[in-house]
């Protein structure tokens, strides 16, 4: 299987697309601003409200909505962490040694948060879920520093190995190795990708994570509540860290700075993979060149088709996602039961693809086509569970209910991907009437002249494919595009992401 990562860097956001055998599998968008509360960010916050009824507190971390911290997310060593933080901020001359911090009484699983935290108390927390809808970030006080192969956990002493590593001999090797090299006062989680990794590689990564922890503490010592003390690597590097495998054939990036950051990161975690990072220099938008735009527009609407005319209808509510399976008018088999079973099996493949593509989380209710056969119901349930095995997000799948509904829960740590696939006429604003099409090229010529007067030569004009085809038709030297090129030095570029009559001027790189 061929995997590629396509990174589209724009002034306001970075969009990342993961493809497998040229089919779009995941899309992520990262805003390029200061209010990006990414999972993994560590904040020095302040308790704003104690809510005994919820057994939780709301913490000010600088977001417009206070962040939520439940009692069960404090962690057993929370009191020791608080002692360490107090010591660190009171003595800024040196970074305290974890093993010299007196161990405090553990926080039990049964207890009240009001006995542990008070309003106004400063607290070190980490984002575990990004803000979703009207809710603020969700927090944990169990601080962790994630790497590609291992996760470093301060104030813990154990070593845990991913359950997905099945060979017992390898599990024991990794556990004994990490126990022998980790410093006291730190715990380790060994990730699945660490399987068969050499000791030197794991030791190098452990040193990098320890350096990141020490740097975080130094930053903390210079900060006052409320402030960011450690920022998780950007979504681009995070996705690379989590999904990079030998199947990756290329990582295409259209921005030189991000390209160099990614190359540098891969040289640290996987030197043999640094050569697959490529700087995209084409004139066509990168998502258009790799067919991402078309796949997003056809695959992220409310209605999504699959083989033999079947389709899914995906609706979002405040509490859950509902997905309805329809067979359309076409039949695969004459027998109704067999026909329903085959369409449900095809729908299951597209369903799992959509969960991953949209990063749908929370509760998902799937209304499959009714089947009477218990064997068919069990086969469908087993097939969905098998398809979900490759999903990195934590999930749970329940058998079909007597009403033919399947319930799925999937870990939700950030908002689901939403892409506007419907287009509003930019001329009439959706009122149902447009200006005569003959006026459009005249208006476009006026826009080009205005941009030329403001910025001079060296601009690109991005147009919808239909309009691009119109302005480039005929002999190349007599087309509208050629005339504008000679007169204004402007280059016309086809851009699938634009609306029919939408235009965009871009400075040539």
Protein backbone atom coordinates (compact mmCIF):
# COMPACT_ATOMS: atom_id res chain seq x y z
CA UNK A 1 0.00 0.00 0.00
CA UNK A 2 1.28 3.43 -1.03
CA UNK A 3 0.76 6.25 1.50
CA UNK A 4 1.28 9.94 0.84
CA UNK A 5 0.91 13.05 2.97
CA UNK A 6 -0.04 16.27 1.16
CA UNK A 7 0.43 19.52 3.08
CA UNK A 8 -1.22 22.72 1.81
CA UNK A 9 0.16 25.77 3.63
CA UNK A 10 -1.96 28.92 3.39
CA UNK A 11 -1.62 32.27 5.24
CA UNK A 12 -4.43 31.48 7.72
CA UNK A 13 -4.30 27.67 8.00
CA UNK A 14 -2.45 24.47 7.18
CA UNK A 15 -4.47 21.64 5.62
CA UNK A 16 -3.07 18.10 5.71
CA UNK A 17 -4.39 15.22 3.60
CA UNK A 18 -3.39 11.57 4.02
CA UNK A 19 -3.92 9.29 1.03
CA UNK A 20 -3.56 5.53 0.69
CA UNK A 21 -3.23 4.21 -2.86
CA UNK A 22 -4.28 7.71 -4.03
CA UNK A 23 -7.57 7.57 -2.09
CA UNK A 24 -8.14 10.31 0.48
CA UNK A 25 -8.22 8.81 4.00
CA UNK A 26 -7.80 11.69 6.45
CA UNK A 27 -8.04 15.47 6.36
CA UNK A 28 -6.90 17.82 9.12
CA UNK A 29 -6.90 21.60 9.31
CA UNK A 30 -4.76 23.67 11.65
CA UNK A 31 -5.38 27.38 12.16
CA UNK A 32 -2.23 29.51 12.11
CA UNK A 33 -3.08 31.74 15.07
CA UNK A 34 -2.43 32.03 18.79
CA UNK A 35 -5.79 30.52 19.84
CA UNK A 36 -4.94 27.03 18.71
CA UNK A 37 -5.65 24.80 21.70
CA UNK A 38 -4.07 21.64 20.33
CA UNK A 39 -4.12 18.33 22.15
CA UNK A 40 -0.85 18.04 24.08
CA UNK A 41 -0.39 21.75 24.85
CA UNK A 42 0.63 22.35 28.48
CA UNK A 43 -0.69 25.41 30.35
CA UNK A 44 -0.03 27.04 33.67
CA UNK A 45 -3.63 27.87 34.52
CA UNK A 46 -5.71 29.04 37.44
CA UNK A 47 -8.79 27.44 39.00
CA UNK A 48 -11.84 29.65 38.34
CA UNK A 49 -14.75 27.57 39.63
CA UNK A 50 -15.15 24.46 41.75
CA UNK A 51 -18.23 22.42 40.81
CA UNK A 52 -18.90 19.81 43.54
CA UNK A 53 -21.97 18.49 41.71
CA UNK A 54 -19.80 17.60 38.71
CA UNK A 55 -16.79 16.70 40.86
CA UNK A 56 -14.77 18.95 38.57
CA UNK A 57 -13.25 22.40 38.26
CA UNK A 58 -13.17 24.97 35.49
CA UNK A 59 -9.68 26.29 34.78
CA UNK A 60 -8.68 29.52 33.04
CA UNK A 61 -6.05 28.67 30.41
CA UNK A 62 -6.62 31.75 28.25
CA UNK A 63 -9.53 30.43 26.19
CA UNK A 64 -12.81 32.35 25.96
CA UNK A 65 -14.53 29.40 27.67
CA UNK A 66 -12.98 27.98 30.81
CA UNK A 67 -11.43 24.54 30.38
CA UNK A 68 -12.89 21.49 32.15
CA UNK A 69 -10.90 19.29 34.56
CA UNK A 70 -12.61 16.30 36.18
CA UNK A 71 -11.48 14.73 39.46
CA UNK A 72 -10.60 11.44 37.72
CA UNK A 73 -8.24 13.35 35.39
CA UNK A 74 -6.09 14.65 38.24
CA UNK A 75 -3.98 11.50 38.35
CA UNK A 76 -2.77 9.65 41.42
CA UNK A 77 0.41 11.80 41.75
CA UNK A 78 -1.35 15.17 41.46
CA UNK A 79 -0.34 16.40 44.92
CA UNK A 80 3.31 15.56 44.19
CA UNK A 81 3.09 17.43 40.87
CA UNK A 82 1.65 20.49 42.64
CA UNK A 83 4.50 20.38 45.17
CA UNK A 84 7.03 20.20 42.32
CA UNK A 85 5.42 23.12 40.45
CA UNK A 86 5.38 25.27 43.58
CA UNK A 87 9.05 24.53 44.16
CA UNK A 88 9.95 25.25 40.53
CA UNK A 89 8.23 28.68 40.36
CA UNK A 90 9.57 29.76 43.77
CA UNK A 91 13.21 29.03 42.87
CA UNK A 92 13.98 30.08 39.30
CA UNK A 93 17.73 29.44 39.53
CA UNK A 94 17.61 25.72 38.79
CA UNK A 95 15.25 23.01 37.54
CA UNK A 96 14.15 20.86 40.51
CA UNK A 97 15.04 17.17 40.40
CA UNK A 98 11.94 15.00 40.37
CA UNK A 99 13.42 12.37 42.68
CA UNK A 100 14.14 15.04 45.32
CA UNK A 101 10.50 16.13 45.43
CA UNK A 102 8.83 14.54 48.49
CA UNK A 103 6.10 12.12 47.45
CA UNK A 104 2.69 13.28 48.68
CA UNK A 105 -0.37 11.20 49.45
CA UNK A 106 -1.87 9.75 46.28
CA UNK A 107 -5.20 11.00 44.95
CA UNK A 108 -7.57 8.05 45.13
CA UNK A 109 -10.20 7.18 42.54
CA UNK A 110 -12.91 7.91 45.12
CA UNK A 111 -12.90 11.44 46.43
CA UNK A 112 -14.07 15.03 46.03
CA UNK A 113 -12.24 17.60 43.97
CA UNK A 114 -13.14 20.32 46.49
CA UNK A 115 -10.77 18.56 48.94
CA UNK A 116 -7.89 18.86 46.45
CA UNK A 117 -8.29 22.20 44.65
CA UNK A 118 -9.49 25.67 45.65
CA UNK A 119 -10.60 28.68 43.61
CA UNK A 120 -7.64 30.83 42.56
CA UNK A 121 -5.08 28.03 42.91
CA UNK A 122 -2.49 27.84 40.07
CA UNK A 123 -2.30 24.47 38.35
CA UNK A 124 -0.26 22.79 35.60
CA UNK A 125 -2.55 21.09 33.07
CA UNK A 126 -2.47 19.57 29.60
CA UNK A 127 -5.13 19.68 26.86
CA UNK A 128 -6.66 16.24 26.27
CA UNK A 129 -9.52 17.39 24.00
CA UNK A 130 -9.71 20.46 21.81
CA UNK A 131 -12.63 22.91 22.12
CA UNK A 132 -15.68 21.38 20.40
CA UNK A 133 -18.80 23.37 19.53
CA UNK A 134 -19.58 25.62 22.51
CA UNK A 135 -17.40 23.70 24.98
CA UNK A 136 -13.94 24.76 26.11
CA UNK A 137 -10.91 22.45 26.10
CA UNK A 138 -10.88 19.36 28.29
CA UNK A 139 -7.84 19.00 30.54
CA UNK A 140 -5.80 16.42 32.37
CA UNK A 141 -3.28 16.95 35.16
CA UNK A 142 -1.41 13.76 34.22
CA UNK A 143 1.31 15.43 32.18
CA UNK A 144 2.91 13.42 29.36
CA UNK A 145 5.47 14.20 26.64
CA UNK A 146 4.75 12.20 23.47
CA UNK A 147 7.37 10.98 21.03
CA UNK A 148 7.08 8.70 18.03
CA UNK A 149 8.09 5.46 19.79
CA UNK A 150 7.57 6.27 23.46
CA UNK A 151 5.62 8.57 25.76
CA UNK A 152 7.36 10.07 28.81
CA UNK A 153 5.27 10.38 32.01
CA UNK A 154 6.78 12.41 34.87
CA UNK A 155 6.08 11.29 38.46
CA UNK A 156 5.49 7.70 37.42
CA UNK A 157 7.84 4.74 37.66
CA UNK A 158 6.32 1.97 35.56
CA UNK A 159 6.82 0.88 31.96
CA UNK A 160 3.76 -0.06 29.92
CA UNK A 161 3.90 -1.66 26.47
CA UNK A 162 1.20 -1.23 23.81
CA UNK A 163 -1.28 -4.11 23.74
CA UNK A 164 -1.04 -4.11 19.94
CA UNK A 165 2.46 -5.60 20.22
CA UNK A 166 1.44 -9.25 20.37
CA UNK A 167 4.76 -11.14 20.61
CA UNK A 168 5.45 -11.75 24.27
CA UNK A 169 9.23 -11.97 23.77
CA UNK A 170 9.25 -8.53 22.10
CA UNK A 171 7.05 -7.07 24.85
CA UNK A 172 9.48 -8.31 27.49
CA UNK A 173 12.48 -7.03 25.54
CA UNK A 174 11.03 -3.54 25.25
CA UNK A 175 9.96 -3.46 28.89
CA UNK A 176 13.35 -4.56 30.21
CA UNK A 177 15.15 -2.17 27.86
CA UNK A 178 13.15 0.86 28.99
CA UNK A 179 13.46 -0.11 32.66
CA UNK A 180 17.23 -0.19 32.24
CA UNK A 181 17.62 3.23 30.57
CA UNK A 182 14.85 5.42 31.98
CA UNK A 183 15.71 7.78 34.87
CA UNK A 184 14.02 7.41 38.24
CA UNK A 185 10.82 9.39 38.67
CA UNK A 186 9.68 8.93 35.08
CA UNK A 187 7.35 6.35 33.61
CA UNK A 188 7.27 5.19 29.98
CA UNK A 189 4.55 4.06 27.58
CA UNK A 190 6.01 2.11 24.67
CA UNK A 191 4.00 2.75 21.50
CA UNK A 192 3.17 0.15 18.85
CA UNK A 193 5.66 1.57 16.32
CA UNK A 194 8.52 0.80 18.73
CA UNK A 195 8.26 -2.88 17.89
CA UNK A 196 11.69 -4.25 16.80
CA UNK A 197 13.35 -0.84 17.26
CA UNK A 198 17.01 -0.84 18.30
CA UNK A 199 18.08 0.20 21.80
CA UNK A 200 20.12 3.17 20.50
CA UNK A 201 17.10 4.59 18.65
CA UNK A 202 14.86 4.38 21.73
CA UNK A 203 17.58 5.80 23.96
CA UNK A 204 18.04 8.82 21.64
CA UNK A 205 14.32 9.52 21.67
CA UNK A 206 14.18 9.23 25.46
CA UNK A 207 16.91 11.86 25.75
CA UNK A 208 14.98 14.19 23.42
CA UNK A 209 11.82 13.82 25.52
CA UNK A 210 13.74 14.47 28.74
CA UNK A 211 15.17 17.63 27.16
CA UNK A 212 11.64 18.73 26.24
CA UNK A 213 10.49 18.18 29.82
CA UNK A 214 13.38 20.21 31.21
CA UNK A 215 12.75 23.01 28.70
CA UNK A 216 9.07 23.03 29.69
CA UNK A 217 9.99 23.45 33.38
CA UNK A 218 12.40 26.29 32.54
CA UNK A 219 9.62 28.04 30.61
CA UNK A 220 7.22 27.48 33.52
CA UNK A 221 9.66 29.20 35.87
CA UNK A 222 9.46 32.37 33.76
CA UNK A 223 5.67 32.42 33.45
CA UNK A 224 2.74 33.62 35.52
CA UNK A 225 -0.71 32.07 35.49
CA UNK A 226 -2.44 32.09 32.95
CA UNK A 227 -0.01 31.14 30.14
CA UNK A 228 1.15 28.51 27.66
CA UNK A 229 4.32 26.76 28.83
CA UNK A 230 4.77 24.03 26.22
CA UNK A 231 3.22 23.83 22.79
CA UNK A 232 2.59 20.50 21.16
CA UNK A 233 4.22 20.19 17.76
CA UNK A 234 2.02 21.37 14.91
CA UNK A 235 -0.66 19.13 13.44
CA UNK A 236 1.60 18.36 10.47
CA UNK A 237 4.42 16.98 12.62
CA UNK A 238 1.93 15.29 14.95
CA UNK A 239 0.29 13.38 12.10
CA UNK A 240 3.70 12.43 10.70
CA UNK A 241 4.77 11.21 14.14
CA UNK A 242 1.64 9.08 14.55
CA UNK A 243 1.14 7.63 11.07
CA UNK A 244 4.62 7.43 9.52
CA UNK A 245 5.34 3.91 8.32
CA UNK A 246 7.50 2.14 5.71
CA UNK A 247 4.51 2.41 3.35
CA UNK A 248 5.01 6.19 3.03
CA UNK A 249 6.35 7.04 -0.40
CA UNK A 250 6.29 10.84 -0.22
CA UNK A 251 5.39 13.87 1.86
CA UNK A 252 4.57 16.79 -0.44
CA UNK A 253 4.67 20.33 1.03
CA UNK A 254 4.12 23.64 -0.77
CA UNK A 255 5.90 25.87 1.75
CA UNK A 256 9.69 25.97 2.19
CA UNK A 257 9.69 26.75 5.93
CA UNK A 258 7.32 23.88 6.82
CA UNK A 259 9.25 21.63 4.41
CA UNK A 260 12.50 22.31 6.27
CA UNK A 261 10.82 21.79 9.67
CA UNK A 262 9.47 18.41 8.58
CA UNK A 263 12.80 17.31 7.11
CA UNK A 264 14.60 18.29 10.32
CA UNK A 265 12.06 16.41 12.45
CA UNK A 266 12.31 13.25 10.33
CA UNK A 267 16.11 13.38 10.51
CA UNK A 268 15.69 13.13 14.29
CA UNK A 269 13.02 10.40 14.53
CA UNK A 270 13.48 8.42 11.29
CA UNK A 271 16.57 9.49 9.30
CA UNK A 272 15.92 6.93 6.58
CA UNK A 273 12.58 8.65 5.79
CA UNK A 274 13.89 12.22 5.43
CA UNK A 275 14.45 11.69 1.70
CA UNK A 276 10.73 11.22 1.01
CA UNK A 277 9.94 14.85 1.94
CA UNK A 278 9.45 16.86 -1.26
CA UNK A 279 8.96 20.60 -1.81
CA UNK A 280 6.07 21.09 -4.23
CA UNK A 281 6.85 23.81 -6.79
CA UNK A 282 4.01 23.40 -9.28
CA UNK A 283 1.86 26.33 -10.37
CA UNK A 284 -1.39 24.41 -9.86
CA UNK A 285 -2.70 24.42 -6.26
CA UNK A 286 -1.22 21.40 -4.48
CA UNK A 287 -4.60 19.89 -3.50
CA UNK A 288 -5.79 20.17 -7.10
CA UNK A 289 -2.61 18.55 -8.44
CA UNK A 290 -3.00 15.51 -6.17
CA UNK A 291 -6.79 15.27 -6.70
CA UNK A 292 -7.53 16.12 -3.04
CA UNK A 293 -10.00 18.94 -3.77
CA UNK A 294 -12.22 16.76 -5.95
CA UNK A 295 -12.21 13.92 -3.43
CA UNK A 296 -13.09 16.31 -0.60
CA UNK A 297 -16.02 17.79 -2.53
CA UNK A 298 -17.37 14.38 -3.56
CA UNK A 299 -16.68 12.64 -0.24
CA UNK A 300 -17.56 15.18 2.43
CA UNK A 301 -21.10 16.17 1.55
CA UNK A 302 -24.26 15.17 3.41
CA UNK A 303 -24.87 12.40 0.85
CA UNK A 304 -22.00 10.06 -0.06
CA UNK A 305 -22.30 7.37 -2.71
CA UNK A 306 -20.68 3.95 -2.84
CA UNK A 307 -20.64 0.99 -5.27
CA UNK A 308 -23.73 -0.11 -7.24
CA UNK A 309 -25.69 3.07 -6.59
CA UNK A 310 -25.89 2.86 -2.80
CA UNK A 311 -25.40 5.94 -0.66
CA UNK A 312 -25.05 7.15 2.93
CA UNK A 313 -26.83 10.16 4.40
CA UNK A 314 -24.75 11.67 7.23
CA UNK A 315 -26.36 14.11 9.67
CA UNK A 316 -24.87 15.77 12.73
CA UNK A 317 -26.79 16.75 15.86
CA UNK A 318 -25.57 18.23 19.13
CA UNK A 319 -25.49 14.80 20.78
CA UNK A 320 -24.55 12.35 18.00
CA UNK A 321 -24.05 11.55 14.33
CA UNK A 322 -26.73 9.61 12.48
CA UNK A 323 -25.88 7.70 9.31
CA UNK A 324 -28.59 6.21 7.11
CA UNK A 325 -27.76 3.45 4.62
CA UNK A 326 -29.71 3.39 1.33
CA UNK A 327 -29.46 0.97 -1.58
CA UNK A 328 -30.86 3.28 -4.24
CA UNK A 329 -32.94 1.84 -7.04
CA UNK A 330 -30.43 -0.75 -8.26
CA UNK A 331 -30.45 -4.38 -7.14
CA UNK A 332 -27.37 -6.62 -6.88
CA UNK A 333 -29.45 -9.78 -6.21
CA UNK A 334 -33.10 -10.56 -6.84
CA UNK A 335 -33.47 -12.01 -3.34
CA UNK A 336 -34.35 -9.10 -1.03
CA UNK A 337 -32.49 -10.47 2.00
CA UNK A 338 -29.30 -11.16 0.06
CA UNK A 339 -29.55 -7.79 -1.65
CA UNK A 340 -29.86 -5.98 1.69
CA UNK A 341 -26.89 -7.93 3.11
CA UNK A 342 -24.60 -7.16 0.16
CA UNK A 343 -25.47 -3.44 0.18
CA UNK A 344 -24.88 -3.31 3.95
CA UNK A 345 -21.44 -4.90 3.52
CA UNK A 346 -20.52 -2.32 0.87
CA UNK A 347 -21.94 0.45 3.08
CA UNK A 348 -19.79 -0.74 5.98
CA UNK A 349 -16.61 -0.13 3.96
CA UNK A 350 -17.66 3.43 3.10
CA UNK A 351 -18.89 4.01 6.66
CA UNK A 352 -15.50 3.24 8.19
CA UNK A 353 -13.80 5.33 5.53
CA UNK A 354 -16.06 8.28 6.38
CA UNK A 355 -15.46 7.99 10.14
CA UNK A 356 -11.74 8.28 9.57
CA UNK A 357 -11.95 10.86 6.76
CA UNK A 358 -14.18 13.24 8.75
CA UNK A 359 -12.63 12.30 12.12
CA UNK A 360 -16.15 11.72 13.45
CA UNK A 361 -16.18 11.14 17.20
CA UNK A 362 -18.66 10.63 20.03
CA UNK A 363 -21.79 8.55 19.49
CA UNK A 364 -22.57 7.33 15.97
CA UNK A 365 -25.89 5.64 15.14
CA UNK A 366 -25.98 3.71 11.86
CA UNK A 367 -29.33 2.68 10.35
CA UNK A 368 -28.46 -0.27 8.11
CA UNK A 369 -30.94 -1.80 5.66
CA UNK A 370 -33.20 -4.25 7.53
CA UNK A 371 -32.08 -7.90 7.47
CA UNK A 372 -34.02 -10.82 8.93
CA UNK A 373 -31.16 -13.33 8.96
CA UNK A 374 -29.28 -13.54 12.27
CA UNK A 375 -26.26 -14.92 10.39
CA UNK A 376 -26.19 -11.88 8.13
CA UNK A 377 -26.50 -9.55 11.13
CA UNK A 378 -23.57 -11.28 12.86
CA UNK A 379 -21.42 -11.24 9.69
CA UNK A 380 -22.05 -7.50 9.26
CA UNK A 381 -21.15 -6.83 12.89
CA UNK A 382 -17.92 -8.88 12.60
CA UNK A 383 -17.01 -7.12 9.35
CA UNK A 384 -17.44 -3.65 10.85
CA UNK A 385 -15.26 -4.63 13.83
CA UNK A 386 -12.58 -5.99 11.47
CA UNK A 387 -12.59 -2.79 9.40
CA UNK A 388 -12.31 -0.68 12.57
CA UNK A 389 -9.14 -2.50 13.68
CA UNK A 390 -6.99 -0.15 11.58
CA UNK A 391 -8.53 2.95 13.19
CA UNK A 392 -6.06 4.64 15.57
CA UNK A 393 -8.85 6.27 17.59
CA UNK A 394 -10.27 4.34 20.55
CA UNK A 395 -13.65 2.90 19.63
CA UNK A 396 -16.38 0.46 20.56
CA UNK A 397 -18.88 -1.26 18.25
CA UNK A 398 -22.15 -2.81 19.47
CA UNK A 399 -24.14 -5.49 17.61
CA UNK A 400 -27.24 -4.55 15.61
CA UNK A 401 -30.26 -3.82 17.77
CA UNK A 402 -33.67 -5.34 17.07
CA UNK A 403 -34.46 -2.15 15.14
CA UNK A 404 -31.47 -2.68 12.80
CA UNK A 405 -29.39 0.09 14.38
CA UNK A 406 -25.66 -0.21 15.10
CA UNK A 407 -24.14 1.95 17.82
CA UNK A 408 -20.50 3.00 17.55
CA UNK A 409 -18.53 5.17 19.93
CA UNK A 410 -15.29 6.70 18.70
CA UNK A 411 -12.80 8.81 20.63
CA UNK A 412 -13.36 12.49 19.97
CA UNK A 413 -10.40 14.77 20.73
CA UNK A 414 -11.08 17.54 18.18
CA UNK A 415 -14.01 18.81 16.08
CA UNK A 416 -15.08 16.70 13.11
CA UNK A 417 -13.82 17.86 9.72
CA UNK A 418 -16.36 20.03 7.93
CA UNK A 419 -15.87 21.18 4.34
CA UNK A 420 -18.37 23.40 2.55
CA UNK A 421 -19.17 21.44 -0.61
CA UNK A 422 -22.22 23.40 -1.73
CA UNK A 423 -21.55 26.54 -3.72
CA UNK A 424 -23.53 29.79 -3.62
CA UNK A 425 -23.57 31.86 -6.80
CA UNK A 426 -21.19 34.76 -6.05
CA UNK A 427 -23.04 37.02 -8.50
CA UNK A 428 -26.64 36.75 -7.23
CA UNK A 429 -25.81 35.66 -3.66
CA UNK A 430 -28.12 32.65 -3.93
CA UNK A 431 -31.25 34.64 -4.85
CA UNK A 432 -31.82 32.66 -8.02
CA UNK A 433 -30.94 35.32 -10.59
CA UNK A 434 -27.56 36.11 -12.13
CA UNK A 435 -26.19 38.84 -14.34
CA UNK A 436 -25.76 38.09 -18.06
CA UNK A 437 -22.70 35.81 -18.51
CA UNK A 438 -21.35 38.15 -21.20
CA UNK A 439 -20.60 40.69 -18.48
CA UNK A 440 -18.35 38.32 -16.56
CA UNK A 441 -15.25 38.49 -18.74
CA UNK A 442 -15.57 42.27 -18.98
CA UNK A 443 -15.69 42.52 -15.19
CA UNK A 444 -12.79 40.06 -14.92
CA UNK A 445 -10.69 42.20 -17.28
CA UNK A 446 -11.41 45.23 -15.07
CA UNK A 447 -10.30 43.28 -11.97
CA UNK A 448 -7.07 42.24 -13.72
CA UNK A 449 -6.31 45.83 -14.69
CA UNK A 450 -6.95 47.03 -11.12
CA UNK A 451 -4.65 44.35 -9.67
CA UNK A 452 -2.02 45.20 -12.31
CA UNK A 453 -2.15 48.89 -11.35
CA UNK A 454 -1.78 47.99 -7.66
CA UNK A 455 0.81 45.22 -7.82
CA UNK A 456 2.33 45.21 -11.29
CA UNK A 457 3.30 42.08 -13.18
CA UNK A 458 3.98 38.65 -11.68
CA UNK A 459 0.49 37.70 -10.48
CA UNK A 460 -1.46 34.45 -10.88
CA UNK A 461 -5.22 34.49 -11.52
CA UNK A 462 -6.95 31.38 -10.12
CA UNK A 463 -10.24 30.43 -11.82
CA UNK A 464 -12.81 27.62 -11.61
CA UNK A 465 -12.05 24.87 -14.19
CA UNK A 466 -15.07 25.82 -16.34
CA UNK A 467 -14.06 29.47 -16.49
CA UNK A 468 -10.41 28.47 -17.02
CA UNK A 469 -11.48 26.36 -20.02
CA UNK A 470 -13.39 29.33 -21.44
CA UNK A 471 -10.58 31.91 -21.15
CA UNK A 472 -7.95 29.50 -22.57
CA UNK A 473 -10.06 28.17 -25.48
CA UNK A 474 -8.99 28.55 -29.09
CA UNK A 475 -5.46 29.05 -30.38
CA UNK A 476 -3.09 29.74 -27.50
CA UNK A 477 -1.93 33.14 -28.84
CA UNK A 478 -5.47 34.47 -29.36
CA UNK A 479 -7.18 33.24 -26.16
CA UNK A 480 -8.19 35.69 -23.44
CA UNK A 481 -5.57 34.15 -21.13
CA UNK A 482 -2.81 34.79 -23.69
CA UNK A 483 -3.98 38.38 -24.21
CA UNK A 484 -3.92 39.06 -20.46
CA UNK A 485 -0.49 37.42 -20.21
CA UNK A 486 0.96 39.71 -22.89
CA UNK A 487 -0.67 42.88 -21.59
CA UNK A 488 -0.49 42.44 -17.81
CA UNK A 489 2.04 39.62 -17.28
CA UNK A 490 -0.61 37.61 -15.42
CA UNK A 491 -0.73 33.81 -15.48
CA UNK A 492 -4.11 32.02 -15.43
CA UNK A 493 -4.26 28.92 -13.19
CA UNK A 494 -7.02 26.30 -12.87
CA UNK A 495 -8.24 25.89 -9.24
CA UNK A 496 -10.90 23.27 -8.42
CA UNK A 497 -11.56 24.65 -4.92
CA UNK A 498 -13.14 27.88 -6.21
CA UNK A 499 -16.82 28.52 -6.90
CA UNK A 500 -18.02 28.86 -10.47
CA UNK A 501 -17.56 32.63 -10.76
CA UNK A 502 -15.08 33.09 -7.93
CA UNK A 503 -11.63 34.53 -8.64
CA UNK A 504 -8.43 34.69 -6.64
CA UNK A 505 -5.25 36.69 -7.30
CA UNK A 506 -2.00 35.19 -5.95
CA UNK A 507 1.55 36.49 -6.10
CA UNK A 508 3.79 34.09 -8.04
CA UNK A 509 6.34 32.29 -5.83
